[in-house]
Amino acid sequence: MVEYPQGWLSKGIENTGSVQAAWRTDPQRSGKSGCMADIGTHAAHLAEHVSGLKITHLCANLNIYGEEGYWMMTAMYCLSLKTGQLVF
């Protein structure tokens, strides 16, 4: 399991000129996935590196709660590795 908290994004700092926060919270720039696609690739690379196996399948569930600018996003990824093992 990989946890990558982004609590700093809940403070509205994208309105203070923070470039990192601005693109992560703007669907026009980051897409519907927000920063989850960016963070998810790090989790996937970590799973492959630690296991020494390649990912063959991916299933993800993305949930967004709250109002625009003050929301929480959670994601759950299930990876299938080359040997058939599942990683959640």
N, C-alpha and C. Protein backbone atom coordinates (compact mmCIF):
# COMPACT_ATOMS: atom_id res chain seq x y z
N MET A 1 0.85 -1.17 0.00
CA MET A 1 0.00 0.00 0.00
C MET A 1 0.89 1.24 0.00
N VAL A 2 0.55 2.20 -0.81
CA VAL A 2 1.29 3.46 -0.89
C VAL A 2 0.36 4.59 -0.48
N GLU A 3 0.79 5.39 0.47
CA GLU A 3 0.02 6.55 0.88
C GLU A 3 0.83 7.80 0.55
N TYR A 4 0.18 8.76 -0.06
CA TYR A 4 0.85 9.98 -0.48
C TYR A 4 -0.05 11.16 -0.13
N PRO A 5 -0.07 11.55 1.15
CA PRO A 5 -0.97 12.64 1.56
C PRO A 5 -0.59 13.98 0.93
N GLN A 6 -1.59 14.73 0.56
CA GLN A 6 -1.40 16.05 -0.03
C GLN A 6 -2.22 17.09 0.73
N GLY A 7 -2.19 17.01 2.06
CA GLY A 7 -2.98 17.92 2.89
C GLY A 7 -2.69 19.38 2.64
N TRP A 8 -1.48 19.68 2.19
CA TRP A 8 -1.13 21.08 1.93
C TRP A 8 -2.01 21.69 0.85
N LEU A 9 -2.61 20.85 0.00
CA LEU A 9 -3.49 21.37 -1.05
C LEU A 9 -4.85 21.79 -0.52
N SER A 10 -5.17 21.42 0.71
CA SER A 10 -6.48 21.76 1.27
C SER A 10 -6.53 23.18 1.83
N LYS A 11 -5.42 23.89 1.79
CA LYS A 11 -5.34 25.22 2.39
C LYS A 11 -5.59 26.36 1.40
N GLY A 12 -5.87 26.05 0.15
CA GLY A 12 -6.16 27.09 -0.85
C GLY A 12 -4.93 27.87 -1.29
N ILE A 13 -3.74 27.26 -1.18
CA ILE A 13 -2.53 28.01 -1.53
C ILE A 13 -2.37 28.22 -3.04
N GLU A 14 -3.22 27.57 -3.84
CA GLU A 14 -3.16 27.81 -5.28
C GLU A 14 -3.53 29.26 -5.59
N ASN A 15 -4.19 29.93 -4.65
CA ASN A 15 -4.58 31.34 -4.84
C ASN A 15 -3.50 32.31 -4.37
N THR A 16 -2.38 31.79 -3.89
CA THR A 16 -1.30 32.65 -3.38
C THR A 16 -0.11 32.71 -4.33
N GLY A 17 -0.25 32.12 -5.51
CA GLY A 17 0.84 32.15 -6.48
C GLY A 17 1.69 30.89 -6.50
N SER A 18 1.32 29.87 -5.74
CA SER A 18 2.07 28.61 -5.74
C SER A 18 1.85 27.89 -7.07
N VAL A 19 2.89 27.78 -7.86
CA VAL A 19 2.80 27.15 -9.17
C VAL A 19 2.46 25.67 -9.01
N GLN A 20 3.09 25.00 -8.06
CA GLN A 20 2.83 23.57 -7.85
C GLN A 20 1.36 23.31 -7.49
N ALA A 21 0.80 24.13 -6.63
CA ALA A 21 -0.60 23.95 -6.23
C ALA A 21 -1.55 24.36 -7.35
N ALA A 22 -1.19 25.39 -8.10
CA ALA A 22 -2.09 25.92 -9.13
C ALA A 22 -2.42 24.89 -10.19
N TRP A 23 -1.43 24.19 -10.75
CA TRP A 23 -1.75 23.23 -11.80
C TRP A 23 -2.44 22.00 -11.24
N ARG A 24 -2.10 21.61 -10.00
CA ARG A 24 -2.70 20.41 -9.41
C ARG A 24 -4.20 20.59 -9.13
N THR A 25 -4.63 21.81 -8.89
CA THR A 25 -6.03 22.05 -8.52
C THR A 25 -6.85 22.63 -9.67
N ASP A 26 -6.27 22.77 -10.84
CA ASP A 26 -6.98 23.33 -12.00
C ASP A 26 -7.25 22.22 -13.01
N PRO A 27 -8.52 21.76 -13.11
CA PRO A 27 -8.85 20.69 -14.05
C PRO A 27 -8.52 21.01 -15.50
N GLN A 28 -8.47 22.30 -15.86
CA GLN A 28 -8.12 22.69 -17.23
C GLN A 28 -6.66 22.34 -17.54
N ARG A 29 -5.81 22.33 -16.51
CA ARG A 29 -4.39 22.02 -16.71
C ARG A 29 -4.03 20.59 -16.31
N SER A 30 -4.68 20.07 -15.29
CA SER A 30 -4.30 18.73 -14.81
C SER A 30 -5.27 17.64 -15.26
N GLY A 31 -6.38 18.03 -15.88
CA GLY A 31 -7.37 17.05 -16.31
C GLY A 31 -8.28 16.66 -15.16
N LYS A 32 -9.21 15.77 -15.44
CA LYS A 32 -10.17 15.36 -14.42
C LYS A 32 -9.53 14.63 -13.25
N SER A 33 -8.38 14.04 -13.49
CA SER A 33 -7.74 13.27 -12.43
C SER A 33 -7.02 14.16 -11.42
N GLY A 34 -6.93 15.46 -11.71
CA GLY A 34 -6.18 16.34 -10.82
C GLY A 34 -4.74 15.88 -10.76
N CYS A 35 -4.18 15.85 -9.58
CA CYS A 35 -2.79 15.43 -9.44
C CYS A 35 -2.67 13.92 -9.26
N MET A 36 -3.79 13.20 -9.26
CA MET A 36 -3.75 11.76 -9.00
C MET A 36 -2.98 11.00 -10.09
N ALA A 37 -3.09 11.45 -11.32
CA ALA A 37 -2.33 10.77 -12.39
C ALA A 37 -0.83 10.94 -12.14
N ASP A 38 -0.43 12.13 -11.73
CA ASP A 38 0.97 12.40 -11.42
C ASP A 38 1.43 11.56 -10.24
N ILE A 39 0.70 11.60 -9.15
CA ILE A 39 1.06 10.86 -7.94
C ILE A 39 0.95 9.36 -8.17
N GLY A 40 -0.07 8.95 -8.92
CA GLY A 40 -0.28 7.53 -9.20
C GLY A 40 0.89 6.90 -9.93
N THR A 41 1.54 7.66 -10.82
CA THR A 41 2.69 7.09 -11.52
C THR A 41 3.84 6.82 -10.55
N HIS A 42 3.98 7.65 -9.54
CA HIS A 42 5.02 7.41 -8.53
C HIS A 42 4.72 6.13 -7.75
N ALA A 43 3.46 5.93 -7.40
CA ALA A 43 3.07 4.71 -6.68
C ALA A 43 3.29 3.48 -7.54
N ALA A 44 2.97 3.58 -8.82
CA ALA A 44 3.17 2.45 -9.74
C ALA A 44 4.65 2.13 -9.90
N HIS A 45 5.47 3.16 -10.07
CA HIS A 45 6.91 2.94 -10.19
C HIS A 45 7.48 2.30 -8.93
N LEU A 46 7.00 2.74 -7.77
CA LEU A 46 7.45 2.17 -6.51
C LEU A 46 7.08 0.69 -6.42
N ALA A 47 5.86 0.34 -6.80
CA ALA A 47 5.42 -1.06 -6.75
C ALA A 47 6.28 -1.92 -7.67
N GLU A 48 6.58 -1.43 -8.87
CA GLU A 48 7.43 -2.19 -9.79
C GLU A 48 8.86 -2.31 -9.27
N HIS A 49 9.38 -1.24 -8.73
CA HIS A 49 10.76 -1.25 -8.24
C HIS A 49 10.92 -2.20 -7.05
N VAL A 50 10.01 -2.11 -6.10
CA VAL A 50 10.10 -2.94 -4.89
C VAL A 50 9.89 -4.42 -5.22
N SER A 51 8.92 -4.70 -6.10
CA SER A 51 8.60 -6.10 -6.41
C SER A 51 9.53 -6.69 -7.47
N GLY A 52 10.11 -5.83 -8.32
CA GLY A 52 10.93 -6.31 -9.43
C GLY A 52 10.09 -6.85 -10.57
N LEU A 53 8.78 -6.63 -10.52
CA LEU A 53 7.85 -7.13 -11.54
C LEU A 53 7.20 -5.97 -12.29
N LYS A 54 6.73 -6.25 -13.48
CA LYS A 54 6.04 -5.25 -14.28
C LYS A 54 4.53 -5.32 -14.03
N ILE A 55 3.88 -4.17 -14.10
CA ILE A 55 2.43 -4.09 -13.97
C ILE A 55 1.81 -4.48 -15.31
N THR A 56 0.82 -5.37 -15.27
CA THR A 56 0.15 -5.80 -16.49
C THR A 56 -1.26 -5.22 -16.62
N HIS A 57 -1.90 -4.93 -15.50
CA HIS A 57 -3.25 -4.37 -15.52
C HIS A 57 -3.39 -3.37 -14.37
N LEU A 58 -4.29 -2.42 -14.58
CA LEU A 58 -4.54 -1.40 -13.57
C LEU A 58 -6.03 -1.11 -13.51
N CYS A 59 -6.55 -0.99 -12.31
CA CYS A 59 -7.93 -0.58 -12.10
C CYS A 59 -7.89 0.50 -11.02
N ALA A 60 -8.58 1.61 -11.23
CA ALA A 60 -8.54 2.71 -10.26
C ALA A 60 -9.94 3.23 -9.99
N ASN A 61 -10.13 3.68 -8.76
CA ASN A 61 -11.38 4.29 -8.34
C ASN A 61 -11.03 5.66 -7.77
N LEU A 62 -11.60 6.71 -8.34
CA LEU A 62 -11.30 8.08 -7.93
C LEU A 62 -12.55 8.72 -7.35
N ASN A 63 -12.43 9.32 -6.17
CA ASN A 63 -13.55 10.00 -5.52
C ASN A 63 -13.14 11.41 -5.15
N ILE A 64 -14.03 12.36 -5.39
CA ILE A 64 -13.79 13.76 -5.06
C ILE A 64 -14.92 14.23 -4.15
N TYR A 65 -14.56 14.85 -3.03
CA TYR A 65 -15.53 15.33 -2.05
C TYR A 65 -15.32 16.82 -1.82
N GLY A 66 -16.39 17.53 -1.50
CA GLY A 66 -16.27 18.94 -1.14
C GLY A 66 -16.58 19.86 -2.29
N GLU A 67 -16.31 21.15 -2.06
CA GLU A 67 -16.57 22.17 -3.06
C GLU A 67 -15.30 22.52 -3.81
N GLU A 68 -15.45 23.09 -4.99
CA GLU A 68 -14.30 23.45 -5.81
C GLU A 68 -13.34 24.34 -5.01
N GLY A 69 -12.09 24.00 -5.05
CA GLY A 69 -11.07 24.74 -4.32
C GLY A 69 -10.84 24.23 -2.92
N TYR A 70 -11.82 23.54 -2.35
CA TYR A 70 -11.70 22.99 -1.00
C TYR A 70 -12.24 21.57 -1.00
N TRP A 71 -11.56 20.72 -1.73
CA TRP A 71 -12.04 19.36 -1.89
C TRP A 71 -10.98 18.36 -1.45
N MET A 72 -11.47 17.16 -1.24
CA MET A 72 -10.58 16.07 -0.91
C MET A 72 -10.73 15.01 -1.99
N MET A 73 -9.64 14.48 -2.44
CA MET A 73 -9.65 13.45 -3.47
C MET A 73 -9.03 12.19 -2.89
N THR A 74 -9.69 11.09 -3.07
CA THR A 74 -9.12 9.81 -2.67
C THR A 74 -9.11 8.90 -3.88
N ALA A 75 -8.13 8.04 -3.92
CA ALA A 75 -8.03 7.10 -5.04
C ALA A 75 -7.58 5.75 -4.51
N MET A 76 -8.07 4.73 -5.14
CA MET A 76 -7.63 3.38 -4.81
C MET A 76 -7.24 2.70 -6.11
N TYR A 77 -6.03 2.23 -6.13
CA TYR A 77 -5.52 1.56 -7.32
C TYR A 77 -5.36 0.08 -7.01
N CYS A 78 -5.69 -0.75 -7.95
CA CYS A 78 -5.42 -2.18 -7.86
C CYS A 78 -4.55 -2.52 -9.07
N LEU A 79 -3.36 -3.00 -8.80
CA LEU A 79 -2.43 -3.35 -9.86
C LEU A 79 -2.29 -4.86 -9.95
N SER A 80 -2.26 -5.37 -11.15
CA SER A 80 -1.97 -6.78 -11.38
C SER A 80 -0.55 -6.87 -11.92
N LEU A 81 0.27 -7.66 -11.23
CA LEU A 81 1.67 -7.80 -11.64
C LEU A 81 1.82 -8.98 -12.59
N LYS A 82 2.95 -9.05 -13.25
CA LYS A 82 3.22 -10.07 -14.28
C LYS A 82 2.95 -11.49 -13.79
N THR A 83 3.19 -11.74 -12.51
CA THR A 83 2.98 -13.09 -11.95
C THR A 83 1.53 -13.36 -11.59
N GLY A 84 0.67 -12.35 -11.74
CA GLY A 84 -0.73 -12.51 -11.39
C GLY A 84 -1.06 -12.00 -10.00
N GLN A 85 -0.05 -11.59 -9.23
CA GLN A 85 -0.28 -11.05 -7.91
C GLN A 85 -0.98 -9.70 -8.00
N LEU A 86 -1.83 -9.41 -7.04
CA LEU A 86 -2.53 -8.14 -6.98
C LEU A 86 -1.91 -7.26 -5.91
N VAL A 87 -1.80 -5.97 -6.20
CA VAL A 87 -1.29 -4.99 -5.26
C VAL A 87 -2.36 -3.93 -5.11
N PHE A 88 -2.76 -3.63 -3.89
CA PHE A 88 -3.77 -2.60 -3.63
C PHE A 88 -3.12 -1.38 -3.05
